[in-house]
Amino acid sequence: MKHLFSPWRSAYISQKQPKGCFLCRSARQTDDAANLILYRGPKVFVIMNRYPYNNGHLMIAPYRHVADITRLQPAESRELFARLQLAVSILRKELKPDAFNIGMNLGRVAGAGLVGHVHLHIVPRWNGDTNFMPVSADTRVISEALAATWERLARLF
């Protein structure tokens, strides 16, 4: 069995967070580049993760602040999955990953850094993209600046 460790995640989860929901706060703003928002639909939006596991780590979230996936409205669920398909297609075209991790962390015990607002993670993966840095140096190596990745992906959404 192989293991994927992410010790840098605990530092993010344990740090003092600003009041309120960062997804709601970002969605209310109008500067999409500054907020790393790639797409705005009627019910959901696509945003880059500021603390990515890999280049191109995206999140898809409903605008509505809802904590439980079973409380999503049918239109939110449909649009979330449709944007997931679009995001995977765009990431394949532009970043050319070998694979993806796609999922949700529902609840703090499951690893959710934000427990009150459902969001879907899309993490592009490349063969050999894990190395010694996260484990031995508590450092994650991201090979491209977030703003540069945003520029590459935003034009495709």
C-alpha atoms as a PDB file:
ATOM      1  CA  MET A   1       0.000   0.000   0.000  1.00  0.00           C
ATOM      2  CA  LYS A   2       1.266   3.480  -0.870  1.00  0.00           C
ATOM      3  CA  HIS A   3       0.579   6.496   1.344  1.00  0.00           C
ATOM      4  CA  LEU A   4       0.181  10.140   0.472  1.00  0.00           C
ATOM      5  CA  PHE A   5       1.216  12.383   3.340  1.00  0.00           C
ATOM      6  CA  SER A   6       0.407  16.083   3.564  1.00  0.00           C
ATOM      7  CA  PRO A   7       1.902  17.459   6.797  1.00  0.00           C
ATOM      8  CA  TRP A   8       1.697  21.057   5.496  1.00  0.00           C
ATOM      9  CA  ARG A   9      -2.095  20.711   5.661  1.00  0.00           C
ATOM     10  CA  SER A  10      -2.120  20.642   9.470  1.00  0.00           C
ATOM     11  CA  ALA A  11      -0.322  24.004   9.602  1.00  0.00           C
ATOM     12  CA  TYR A  12      -3.054  25.515   7.407  1.00  0.00           C
ATOM     13  CA  ILE A  13      -5.900  23.923   9.377  1.00  0.00           C
ATOM     14  CA  SER A  14      -4.483  24.969  12.761  1.00  0.00           C
ATOM     15  CA  GLN A  15      -3.700  28.613  11.857  1.00  0.00           C
ATOM     16  CA  LYS A  16      -6.031  31.394  12.939  1.00  0.00           C
ATOM     17  CA  GLN A  17      -8.598  31.848  10.194  1.00  0.00           C
ATOM     18  CA  PRO A  18     -10.341  35.133   9.361  1.00  0.00           C
ATOM     19  CA  LYS A  19     -13.980  35.350  10.398  1.00  0.00           C
ATOM     20  CA  GLY A  20     -16.476  33.950   7.949  1.00  0.00           C
ATOM     21  CA  CYS A  21     -16.253  31.645   4.980  1.00  0.00           C
ATOM     22  CA  PHE A  22     -13.439  32.229   2.486  1.00  0.00           C
ATOM     23  CA  LEU A  23     -15.536  30.762  -0.350  1.00  0.00           C
ATOM     24  CA  CYS A  24     -18.440  33.126   0.352  1.00  0.00           C
ATOM     25  CA  ARG A  25     -16.027  36.042   0.791  1.00  0.00           C
ATOM     26  CA  SER A  26     -14.257  35.270  -2.514  1.00  0.00           C
ATOM     27  CA  ALA A  27     -17.531  34.807  -4.408  1.00  0.00           C
ATOM     28  CA  ARG A  28     -18.791  38.222  -3.240  1.00  0.00           C
ATOM     29  CA  GLN A  29     -15.695  39.979  -4.592  1.00  0.00           C
ATOM     30  CA  THR A  30     -15.539  41.225  -8.182  1.00  0.00           C
ATOM     31  CA  ASP A  31     -11.808  40.841  -8.869  1.00  0.00           C
ATOM     32  CA  ASP A  32     -11.707  37.255 -10.101  1.00  0.00           C
ATOM     33  CA  ALA A  33      -7.958  37.265 -10.752  1.00  0.00           C
ATOM     34  CA  ALA A  34      -7.168  38.405  -7.203  1.00  0.00           C
ATOM     35  CA  ASN A  35      -9.559  35.809  -5.801  1.00  0.00           C
ATOM     36  CA  LEU A  36      -8.389  33.089  -8.218  1.00  0.00           C
ATOM     37  CA  ILE A  37     -11.941  32.516  -9.496  1.00  0.00           C
ATOM     38  CA  LEU A  38     -11.817  30.860 -12.906  1.00  0.00           C
ATOM     39  CA  TYR A  39     -15.521  30.447 -13.644  1.00  0.00           C
ATOM     40  CA  ARG A  40     -18.839  31.810 -12.387  1.00  0.00           C
ATOM     41  CA  GLY A  41     -21.995  29.926 -13.257  1.00  0.00           C
ATOM     42  CA  PRO A  42     -25.577  30.420 -12.131  1.00  0.00           C
ATOM     43  CA  LYS A  43     -25.251  28.113  -9.079  1.00  0.00           C
ATOM     44  CA  VAL A  44     -21.548  27.264  -8.640  1.00  0.00           C
ATOM     45  CA  PHE A  45     -18.108  28.739  -9.206  1.00  0.00           C
ATOM     46  CA  VAL A  46     -14.624  27.329  -9.830  1.00  0.00           C
ATOM     47  CA  ILE A  47     -11.760  28.694  -7.750  1.00  0.00           C
ATOM     48  CA  MET A  48      -8.092  27.807  -7.462  1.00  0.00           C
ATOM     49  CA  ASN A  49      -6.857  26.547  -4.114  1.00  0.00           C
ATOM     50  CA  ARG A  50      -4.495  29.087  -2.490  1.00  0.00           C
ATOM     51  CA  TYR A  51      -2.755  26.227  -0.676  1.00  0.00           C
ATOM     52  CA  PRO A  52      -2.560  23.712  -3.521  1.00  0.00           C
ATOM     53  CA  TYR A  53      -1.408  20.128  -3.244  1.00  0.00           C
ATOM     54  CA  ASN A  54      -0.274  20.394  -6.886  1.00  0.00           C
ATOM     55  CA  ASN A  55      -0.348  22.881  -9.755  1.00  0.00           C
ATOM     56  CA  GLY A  56      -3.895  23.378 -10.954  1.00  0.00           C
ATOM     57  CA  HIS A  57      -5.580  22.317  -7.681  1.00  0.00           C
ATOM     58  CA  LEU A  58      -9.135  23.603  -8.151  1.00  0.00           C
ATOM     59  CA  MET A  59     -12.262  23.708  -6.031  1.00  0.00           C
ATOM     60  CA  ILE A  60     -15.868  23.867  -7.197  1.00  0.00           C
ATOM     61  CA  ALA A  61     -18.423  25.227  -4.757  1.00  0.00           C
ATOM     62  CA  PRO A  62     -22.017  26.388  -4.751  1.00  0.00           C
ATOM     63  CA  TYR A  63     -22.526  30.089  -4.070  1.00  0.00           C
ATOM     64  CA  ARG A  64     -24.989  29.072  -1.382  1.00  0.00           C
ATOM     65  CA  HIS A  65     -23.324  28.448   1.980  1.00  0.00           C
ATOM     66  CA  VAL A  66     -24.349  24.863   2.679  1.00  0.00           C
ATOM     67  CA  ALA A  67     -22.448  22.380   4.836  1.00  0.00           C
ATOM     68  CA  ASP A  68     -24.117  19.103   3.924  1.00  0.00           C
ATOM     69  CA  ILE A  69     -23.950  17.563   0.459  1.00  0.00           C
ATOM     70  CA  THR A  70     -27.426  16.106   0.980  1.00  0.00           C
ATOM     71  CA  ARG A  71     -28.768  19.667   1.233  1.00  0.00           C
ATOM     72  CA  LEU A  72     -27.577  20.693  -2.244  1.00  0.00           C
ATOM     73  CA  GLN A  73     -30.413  21.656  -4.537  1.00  0.00           C
ATOM     74  CA  PRO A  74     -30.737  19.504  -7.683  1.00  0.00           C
ATOM     75  CA  ALA A  75     -29.631  22.417  -9.903  1.00  0.00           C
ATOM     76  CA  GLU A  76     -26.526  22.924  -7.718  1.00  0.00           C
ATOM     77  CA  SER A  77     -25.632  19.231  -7.923  1.00  0.00           C
ATOM     78  CA  ARG A  78     -26.068  19.134 -11.694  1.00  0.00           C
ATOM     79  CA  GLU A  79     -24.005  22.259 -12.271  1.00  0.00           C
ATOM     80  CA  LEU A  80     -21.305  21.122  -9.837  1.00  0.00           C
ATOM     81  CA  PHE A  81     -20.831  17.866 -11.750  1.00  0.00           C
ATOM     82  CA  ALA A  82     -20.971  19.598 -15.141  1.00  0.00           C
ATOM     83  CA  ARG A  83     -18.257  22.046 -14.024  1.00  0.00           C
ATOM     84  CA  LEU A  84     -16.232  19.102 -12.723  1.00  0.00           C
ATOM     85  CA  GLN A  85     -16.281  17.602 -16.217  1.00  0.00           C
ATOM     86  CA  LEU A  86     -15.334  20.952 -17.754  1.00  0.00           C
ATOM     87  CA  ALA A  87     -12.508  21.503 -15.252  1.00  0.00           C
ATOM     88  CA  VAL A  88     -11.024  18.049 -15.879  1.00  0.00           C
ATOM     89  CA  SER A  89     -11.168  18.652 -19.648  1.00  0.00           C
ATOM     90  CA  ILE A  90      -9.449  22.033 -19.317  1.00  0.00           C
ATOM     91  CA  LEU A  91      -6.790  20.743 -16.947  1.00  0.00           C
ATOM     92  CA  ARG A  92      -6.063  17.820 -19.285  1.00  0.00           C
ATOM     93  CA  LYS A  93      -5.695  20.169 -22.239  1.00  0.00           C
ATOM     94  CA  GLU A  94      -3.601  22.856 -20.555  1.00  0.00           C
ATOM     95  CA  LEU A  95      -1.583  21.150 -17.810  1.00  0.00           C
ATOM     96  CA  LYS A  96      -1.504  17.608 -19.210  1.00  0.00           C
ATOM     97  CA  PRO A  97      -1.605  15.676 -15.930  1.00  0.00           C
ATOM     98  CA  ASP A  98      -1.360  11.888 -15.878  1.00  0.00           C
ATOM     99  CA  ALA A  99      -4.311  11.491 -13.497  1.00  0.00           C
ATOM    100  CA  PHE A 100      -6.538  13.279 -10.959  1.00  0.00           C
ATOM    101  CA  ASN A 101      -7.628  13.059  -7.354  1.00  0.00           C
ATOM    102  CA  ILE A 102     -11.231  14.272  -7.115  1.00  0.00           C
ATOM    103  CA  GLY A 103     -13.178  14.409  -3.895  1.00  0.00           C
ATOM    104  CA  MET A 104     -14.758  16.121  -0.919  1.00  0.00           C
ATOM    105  CA  ASN A 105     -13.732  16.233   2.704  1.00  0.00           C
ATOM    106  CA  LEU A 106     -17.038  16.305   4.563  1.00  0.00           C
ATOM    107  CA  GLY A 107     -16.381  17.288   8.174  1.00  0.00           C
ATOM    108  CA  ARG A 108     -13.281  18.238  10.138  1.00  0.00           C
ATOM    109  CA  VAL A 109     -12.447  14.619  11.029  1.00  0.00           C
ATOM    110  CA  ALA A 110     -12.386  13.852   7.285  1.00  0.00           C
ATOM    111  CA  GLY A 111      -9.814  16.610   6.716  1.00  0.00           C
ATOM    112  CA  ALA A 112     -12.074  19.524   5.815  1.00  0.00           C
ATOM    113  CA  GLY A 113     -10.365  22.833   6.445  1.00  0.00           C
ATOM    114  CA  LEU A 114     -13.705  24.519   5.797  1.00  0.00           C
ATOM    115  CA  VAL A 115     -16.544  22.526   7.284  1.00  0.00           C
ATOM    116  CA  GLY A 116     -19.450  24.893   6.623  1.00  0.00           C
ATOM    117  CA  HIS A 117     -19.365  25.171   2.835  1.00  0.00           C
ATOM    118  CA  VAL A 118     -19.409  22.087   0.592  1.00  0.00           C
ATOM    119  CA  HIS A 119     -16.721  22.147  -2.084  1.00  0.00           C
ATOM    120  CA  LEU A 120     -15.218  19.632  -4.468  1.00  0.00           C
ATOM    121  CA  HIS A 121     -11.444  19.319  -4.908  1.00  0.00           C
ATOM    122  CA  ILE A 122      -9.784  18.518  -8.228  1.00  0.00           C
ATOM    123  CA  VAL A 123      -6.064  17.792  -7.880  1.00  0.00           C
ATOM    124  CA  PRO A 124      -4.079  17.110 -11.061  1.00  0.00           C
ATOM    125  CA  ARG A 125      -1.438  14.394 -10.597  1.00  0.00           C
ATOM    126  CA  TRP A 126       1.711  13.588 -12.524  1.00  0.00           C
ATOM    127  CA  ASN A 127       3.732  10.409 -12.380  1.00  0.00           C
ATOM    128  CA  GLY A 128       6.425  11.040  -9.763  1.00  0.00           C
ATOM    129  CA  ASP A 129       4.878  14.265  -8.436  1.00  0.00           C
ATOM    130  CA  THR A 130       5.597  13.327  -4.832  1.00  0.00           C
ATOM    131  CA  ASN A 131       9.126  13.738  -3.544  1.00  0.00           C
ATOM    132  CA  PHE A 132      11.073  14.105  -0.324  1.00  0.00           C
ATOM    133  CA  MET A 133      10.354  17.823   0.194  1.00  0.00           C
ATOM    134  CA  PRO A 134       6.913  17.595   1.898  1.00  0.00           C
ATOM    135  CA  VAL A 135       8.017  14.891   4.305  1.00  0.00           C
ATOM    136  CA  SER A 136      11.593  15.873   5.163  1.00  0.00           C
ATOM    137  CA  ALA A 137      11.431  19.657   4.748  1.00  0.00           C
ATOM    138  CA  ASP A 138       7.714  20.328   5.447  1.00  0.00           C
ATOM    139  CA  THR A 139       7.708  22.120   2.082  1.00  0.00           C
ATOM    140  CA  ARG A 140       5.462  21.606  -0.910  1.00  0.00           C
ATOM    141  CA  VAL A 141       7.014  22.324  -4.292  1.00  0.00           C
ATOM    142  CA  ILE A 142       4.611  24.069  -6.684  1.00  0.00           C
ATOM    143  CA  SER A 143       6.341  24.701  -9.988  1.00  0.00           C
ATOM    144  CA  GLU A 144       4.260  27.644 -11.193  1.00  0.00           C
ATOM    145  CA  ALA A 145       2.962  30.808  -9.524  1.00  0.00           C
ATOM    146  CA  LEU A 146      -0.784  30.822  -8.814  1.00  0.00           C
ATOM    147  CA  ALA A 147      -1.287  33.958 -10.934  1.00  0.00           C
ATOM    148  CA  ALA A 148       0.451  32.318 -13.913  1.00  0.00           C
ATOM    149  CA  THR A 149      -1.677  29.187 -13.601  1.00  0.00           C
ATOM    150  CA  TRP A 150      -4.801  31.364 -13.260  1.00  0.00           C
ATOM    151  CA  GLU A 151      -3.894  33.147 -16.527  1.00  0.00           C
ATOM    152  CA  ARG A 152      -3.448  29.837 -18.342  1.00  0.00           C
ATOM    153  CA  LEU A 153      -6.708  28.338 -17.083  1.00  0.00           C
ATOM    154  CA  ALA A 154      -9.031  31.373 -16.967  1.00  0.00           C
ATOM    155  CA  ARG A 155      -8.963  31.877 -20.726  1.00  0.00           C
ATOM    156  CA  LEU A 156     -10.201  28.297 -21.195  1.00  0.00           C
ATOM    157  CA  PHE A 157     -13.154  28.551 -18.821  1.00  0.00           C
END
